[in-house]
Amino acid sequence: MNNKINLTISAIFVSAISFHASSSHADGTLSLTTGADYSSGKYGQSKSTQMTYIPFIGKFENEDITLKLTVPWLQITGPGDVVGGNTPIVIGSSNRRTTTESGLGDIVLSATHTIAQLGETKPLLLDITGKIKFSTASASKGLGTGENDYTLELDAYKALTDSLTAFGDVGYKRLGDPSGVNLNNIWFTAAGLSYKFLPSTSAGIMADYRQATLDTSQPVRELTIFVSHKFNDDYKLQSYLSQGYSDSSADWGGGLMLGRSF
């Protein structure tokens, strides 16, 4: 239930950094990224849940199309009321004892297409993204819901100056219902700014809002700060910290991701 870029590799985060710090790739570029994300929170429950999320991400992009496959390893310590990886879902409220489970997370496949470039100088870019979360995480271990999710979102980017870029998105997610739980399909939105301090270094802030996935819970509201540094044309490091501002959000989280382009 949380879009905290709990791999704050939310599509909007990665796309904003790429748009802000990279040149176009007419022939296409392949990149591989991995790292670790950690988050902790009660998510409106009586006991805390801690998550460690380690993704292995393959991405191909050219001027108009980006294809991305995420294969994650996940560890969850908690009473089993919160499942998932970079977008946790609250599925219950219990006082069961705290346990630790780990294994393969939900594999995610996404495709992004640039649909418009409005304006000549510093154009407004519009992308549309379709995403499928495959239910590869074990539902019996509490690592996932055991159901597929489907997402459609519109992303926008606008360079305000040579150094400052504004970005945002709006989307809709259709959630598969785990056994005995009726989840709401949700709308979500995010907006932020990215500033290039140096040709190789950018930093920014993003606010995120997501409708509640259960009628008894609150919407997700979170704020994330991030830094991206390119060591050279091949290697890029991204780090981020986030804080939740509702009972349904993680209290805090952070991560570090290293990418290699080919």
Protein backbone atom coordinates (compact mmCIF):
# COMPACT_ATOMS: atom_id res chain seq x y z
CA MET A 1 0.00 0.00 0.00
CA ASN A 2 3.00 2.21 -0.03
CA ASN A 3 4.64 3.83 -3.00
CA LYS A 4 7.35 5.34 -0.99
CA ILE A 5 9.87 4.74 -3.51
CA ASN A 6 10.65 1.99 -1.34
CA LEU A 7 12.85 1.30 -4.02
CA THR A 8 12.55 4.72 -4.65
CA ILE A 9 13.11 3.65 -7.98
CA SER A 10 9.60 4.52 -8.62
CA ALA A 11 9.31 5.10 -12.34
CA ILE A 12 9.04 8.82 -11.82
CA PHE A 13 12.26 8.93 -9.79
CA VAL A 14 14.35 6.99 -12.26
CA SER A 15 12.90 8.77 -15.27
CA ALA A 16 13.46 12.21 -13.77
CA ILE A 17 17.10 11.43 -13.02
CA SER A 18 17.67 9.96 -16.47
CA PHE A 19 16.02 12.90 -18.20
CA HIS A 20 17.98 15.35 -16.13
CA ALA A 21 21.43 13.79 -16.29
CA SER A 22 21.64 11.74 -19.51
CA SER A 23 21.79 12.42 -23.20
CA SER A 24 19.41 10.74 -25.62
CA HIS A 25 20.23 7.25 -26.87
CA ALA A 26 19.25 6.98 -30.52
CA ASP A 27 20.67 3.45 -30.86
CA GLY A 28 19.48 2.24 -27.49
CA THR A 29 21.27 1.71 -24.19
CA LEU A 30 21.26 -1.30 -21.87
CA SER A 31 21.78 -0.75 -18.15
CA LEU A 32 21.93 -3.01 -15.09
CA THR A 33 21.18 -1.70 -11.60
CA THR A 34 21.24 -3.20 -8.13
CA GLY A 35 21.43 -2.02 -4.55
CA ALA A 36 19.42 -2.22 -1.35
CA ASP A 37 16.40 -0.51 0.18
CA TYR A 38 15.40 -0.67 3.85
CA SER A 39 12.18 0.61 5.42
CA SER A 40 10.46 0.42 8.77
CA GLY A 41 6.99 1.33 9.98
CA LYS A 42 3.81 0.20 11.68
CA TYR A 43 1.61 1.01 8.65
CA GLY A 44 -1.25 1.74 11.04
CA GLN A 45 -0.85 -1.64 12.75
CA SER A 46 0.06 -2.52 16.34
CA LYS A 47 3.51 -3.88 15.52
CA SER A 48 6.33 -2.65 13.29
CA THR A 49 7.36 -4.25 10.01
CA GLN A 50 10.88 -3.99 8.59
CA MET A 51 11.61 -4.68 4.93
CA THR A 52 14.87 -5.20 3.06
CA TYR A 53 14.44 -5.10 -0.72
CA ILE A 54 17.32 -5.93 -3.09
CA PRO A 55 16.38 -5.58 -6.77
CA PHE A 56 18.24 -6.64 -9.89
CA ILE A 57 17.06 -4.35 -12.67
CA GLY A 58 17.68 -4.65 -16.40
CA LYS A 59 16.66 -1.68 -18.55
CA PHE A 60 16.79 -0.96 -22.27
CA GLU A 61 16.07 2.57 -23.48
CA ASN A 62 16.26 4.62 -26.66
CA GLU A 63 14.79 8.02 -27.53
CA ASP A 64 11.15 6.94 -27.28
CA ILE A 65 10.89 3.55 -25.52
CA THR A 66 12.12 2.17 -22.20
CA LEU A 67 11.71 -1.49 -21.20
CA LYS A 68 12.50 -2.53 -17.64
CA LEU A 69 12.54 -5.85 -15.79
CA THR A 70 12.95 -5.98 -11.99
CA VAL A 71 13.76 -9.26 -10.22
CA PRO A 72 13.97 -8.66 -6.44
CA TRP A 73 15.02 -10.51 -3.31
CA LEU A 74 12.93 -9.56 -0.28
CA GLN A 75 13.10 -10.00 3.50
CA ILE A 76 10.22 -9.02 5.80
CA THR A 77 10.31 -9.01 9.60
CA GLY A 78 6.89 -8.47 11.14
CA PRO A 79 3.57 -10.10 12.16
CA GLY A 80 2.58 -10.83 8.55
CA ASP A 81 0.13 -7.95 8.13
CA VAL A 82 2.23 -6.08 5.54
CA VAL A 83 3.35 -7.80 2.34
CA GLY A 84 5.10 -6.82 -0.87
CA GLY A 85 8.35 -5.11 -1.71
CA ASN A 86 8.74 -1.63 -3.17
CA THR A 87 4.97 -1.06 -2.87
CA PRO A 88 3.88 -2.73 0.39
CA ILE A 89 0.24 -3.69 0.93
CA VAL A 90 -1.48 -3.86 4.33
CA ILE A 91 -3.68 -6.96 4.29
CA GLY A 92 -4.69 -7.33 7.94
CA SER A 93 -4.35 -6.35 11.58
CA SER A 94 -3.21 -8.95 14.09
CA ASN A 95 -1.16 -9.47 17.22
CA ARG A 96 0.67 -12.51 15.89
CA ARG A 97 4.28 -12.95 16.92
CA THR A 98 6.95 -11.29 14.81
CA THR A 99 8.71 -13.57 12.35
CA THR A 100 11.24 -13.13 9.53
CA GLU A 101 10.64 -14.47 6.02
CA SER A 102 12.73 -14.03 2.88
CA GLY A 103 12.88 -15.12 -0.73
CA LEU A 104 12.08 -14.06 -4.28
CA GLY A 105 9.88 -10.97 -4.47
CA ASP A 106 7.33 -10.03 -7.12
CA ILE A 107 8.90 -9.65 -10.57
CA VAL A 108 7.87 -6.43 -12.33
CA LEU A 109 7.88 -5.74 -16.08
CA SER A 110 7.25 -2.23 -17.42
CA ALA A 111 7.24 -0.47 -20.78
CA THR A 112 7.39 3.31 -21.22
CA HIS A 113 6.75 5.25 -24.44
CA THR A 114 7.28 8.97 -25.03
CA ILE A 115 3.99 10.18 -26.51
CA ALA A 116 4.55 13.93 -26.80
CA GLN A 117 7.22 16.63 -26.78
CA LEU A 118 5.53 19.99 -26.49
CA GLY A 119 7.51 23.14 -27.25
CA GLU A 120 10.81 23.86 -28.96
CA THR A 121 13.12 25.07 -26.19
CA LYS A 122 12.90 23.22 -22.86
CA PRO A 123 9.94 21.13 -24.07
CA LEU A 124 7.37 19.43 -21.88
CA LEU A 125 7.86 15.66 -22.24
CA LEU A 126 4.99 13.23 -21.71
CA ASP A 127 5.50 9.49 -21.21
CA ILE A 128 2.97 6.71 -20.76
CA THR A 129 3.93 3.59 -18.81
CA GLY A 130 2.30 0.20 -18.50
CA LYS A 131 3.43 -2.11 -15.71
CA ILE A 132 2.68 -5.68 -14.63
CA LYS A 133 3.62 -7.01 -11.21
CA PHE A 134 3.76 -10.79 -11.47
CA SER A 135 2.86 -12.74 -8.33
CA THR A 136 6.16 -14.56 -7.98
CA ALA A 137 6.59 -13.78 -4.25
CA SER A 138 5.37 -16.42 -1.83
CA ALA A 139 1.96 -15.59 -0.38
CA SER A 140 2.30 -18.34 2.24
CA LYS A 141 5.44 -16.63 3.58
CA GLY A 142 3.77 -13.21 3.53
CA LEU A 143 6.14 -11.85 0.87
CA GLY A 144 3.36 -11.00 -1.60
CA THR A 145 -0.37 -11.09 -2.19
CA GLY A 146 -0.18 -14.05 -4.57
CA GLU A 147 -1.99 -12.02 -7.23
CA ASN A 148 -0.89 -9.93 -10.23
CA ASP A 149 -1.21 -6.12 -10.26
CA TYR A 150 -1.59 -3.89 -13.33
CA THR A 151 -0.62 -0.21 -13.54
CA LEU A 152 -1.04 2.54 -16.12
CA GLU A 153 0.52 5.96 -15.54
CA LEU A 154 1.30 9.24 -17.28
CA ASP A 155 4.64 10.93 -16.51
CA ALA A 156 5.56 14.55 -17.29
CA TYR A 157 8.94 16.34 -17.28
CA LYS A 158 9.73 20.00 -17.83
CA ALA A 159 13.11 21.74 -17.67
CA LEU A 160 12.45 25.09 -15.97
CA THR A 161 16.05 26.28 -16.32
CA ASP A 162 19.30 24.70 -17.47
CA SER A 163 19.67 23.24 -13.98
CA LEU A 164 16.14 22.81 -12.60
CA THR A 165 13.64 20.19 -13.78
CA ALA A 166 10.06 19.68 -12.60
CA PHE A 167 8.44 16.25 -12.88
CA GLY A 168 5.24 14.52 -11.91
CA ASP A 169 2.95 11.61 -12.63
CA VAL A 170 -0.60 10.37 -12.24
CA GLY A 171 -1.67 6.75 -12.52
CA TYR A 172 -4.14 3.99 -11.76
CA LYS A 173 -3.34 0.57 -10.28
CA ARG A 174 -5.58 -2.49 -10.44
CA LEU A 175 -4.75 -4.69 -7.47
CA GLY A 176 -5.31 -8.43 -7.36
CA ASP A 177 -7.19 -9.55 -4.24
CA PRO A 178 -5.41 -12.02 -1.96
CA SER A 179 -7.45 -14.74 -0.33
CA GLY A 180 -10.02 -13.28 2.08
CA VAL A 181 -9.10 -9.63 1.40
CA ASN A 182 -10.89 -7.16 -0.89
CA LEU A 183 -8.37 -4.50 -1.96
CA ASN A 184 -9.38 -1.22 -3.58
CA ASN A 185 -8.02 -0.29 -6.98
CA ILE A 186 -6.23 3.02 -6.49
CA TRP A 187 -5.24 6.31 -8.09
CA PHE A 188 -1.83 7.76 -7.26
CA THR A 189 0.15 10.88 -8.04
CA ALA A 190 3.59 12.37 -7.37
CA ALA A 191 5.42 15.63 -8.07
CA GLY A 192 8.92 16.90 -7.50
CA LEU A 193 11.94 18.96 -8.49
CA SER A 194 15.44 17.92 -9.51
CA TYR A 195 18.39 20.33 -9.49
CA LYS A 196 21.71 19.77 -11.26
CA PHE A 197 24.46 21.13 -9.02
CA LEU A 198 27.24 19.83 -11.26
CA PRO A 199 27.26 18.15 -14.69
CA SER A 200 27.62 14.84 -12.83
CA THR A 201 25.48 15.45 -9.72
CA SER A 202 21.77 16.12 -9.23
CA ALA A 203 19.55 16.21 -6.16
CA GLY A 204 15.87 16.71 -5.57
CA ILE A 205 12.69 16.20 -3.62
CA MET A 206 9.45 14.38 -4.39
CA ALA A 207 6.03 14.26 -2.71
CA ASP A 208 3.90 11.16 -3.20
CA TYR A 209 0.19 10.46 -2.62
CA ARG A 210 -1.72 7.18 -3.00
CA GLN A 211 -5.30 6.26 -2.29
CA ALA A 212 -5.98 3.74 0.49
CA THR A 213 -6.09 0.11 -0.60
CA LEU A 214 -8.46 -0.78 2.27
CA ASP A 215 -11.58 1.10 3.36
CA THR A 216 -10.32 0.97 6.95
CA SER A 217 -6.90 2.51 6.22
CA GLN A 218 -5.54 5.92 5.27
CA PRO A 219 -4.04 7.16 2.00
CA VAL A 220 -0.27 7.01 1.67
CA ARG A 221 1.55 10.36 1.94
CA GLU A 222 5.33 10.47 1.75
CA LEU A 223 8.21 12.80 1.05
CA THR A 224 11.50 11.67 -0.50
CA ILE A 225 14.83 13.42 -1.01
CA PHE A 226 17.36 11.95 -3.45
CA VAL A 227 20.85 12.44 -4.88
CA SER A 228 22.24 11.05 -8.15
CA HIS A 229 25.90 11.06 -9.14
CA LYS A 230 27.44 9.92 -12.44
CA PHE A 231 31.04 8.77 -11.99
CA ASN A 232 31.40 8.56 -15.79
CA ASP A 233 29.34 7.56 -18.83
CA ASP A 234 29.04 4.00 -17.49
CA TYR A 235 28.40 4.20 -13.74
CA LYS A 236 25.73 6.06 -11.77
CA LEU A 237 25.00 6.03 -8.02
CA GLN A 238 21.60 6.97 -6.57
CA SER A 239 20.69 7.40 -2.91
CA TYR A 240 17.50 8.50 -1.19
CA LEU A 241 15.70 8.93 2.14
CA SER A 242 11.94 9.05 2.65
CA GLN A 243 9.53 9.75 5.47
CA GLY A 244 5.85 8.90 5.80
CA TYR A 245 3.12 11.31 6.86
CA SER A 246 0.16 8.97 7.37
CA ASP A 247 -0.54 5.81 9.36
CA SER A 248 -0.49 3.78 6.15
CA SER A 249 3.02 4.92 5.18
CA ALA A 250 6.35 3.54 6.29
CA ASP A 251 7.76 5.68 9.08
CA TRP A 252 11.04 6.02 7.20
CA GLY A 253 13.13 4.35 4.54
CA GLY A 254 16.23 4.74 2.46
CA GLY A 255 18.36 3.08 -0.15
CA LEU A 256 21.44 3.08 -2.32
CA MET A 257 21.49 1.96 -5.98
CA LEU A 258 24.40 1.52 -8.38
CA GLY A 259 23.79 1.38 -12.13
CA ARG A 260 26.05 0.30 -15.02
CA SER A 261 25.33 1.30 -18.63
CA PHE A 262 26.61 -0.61 -21.65
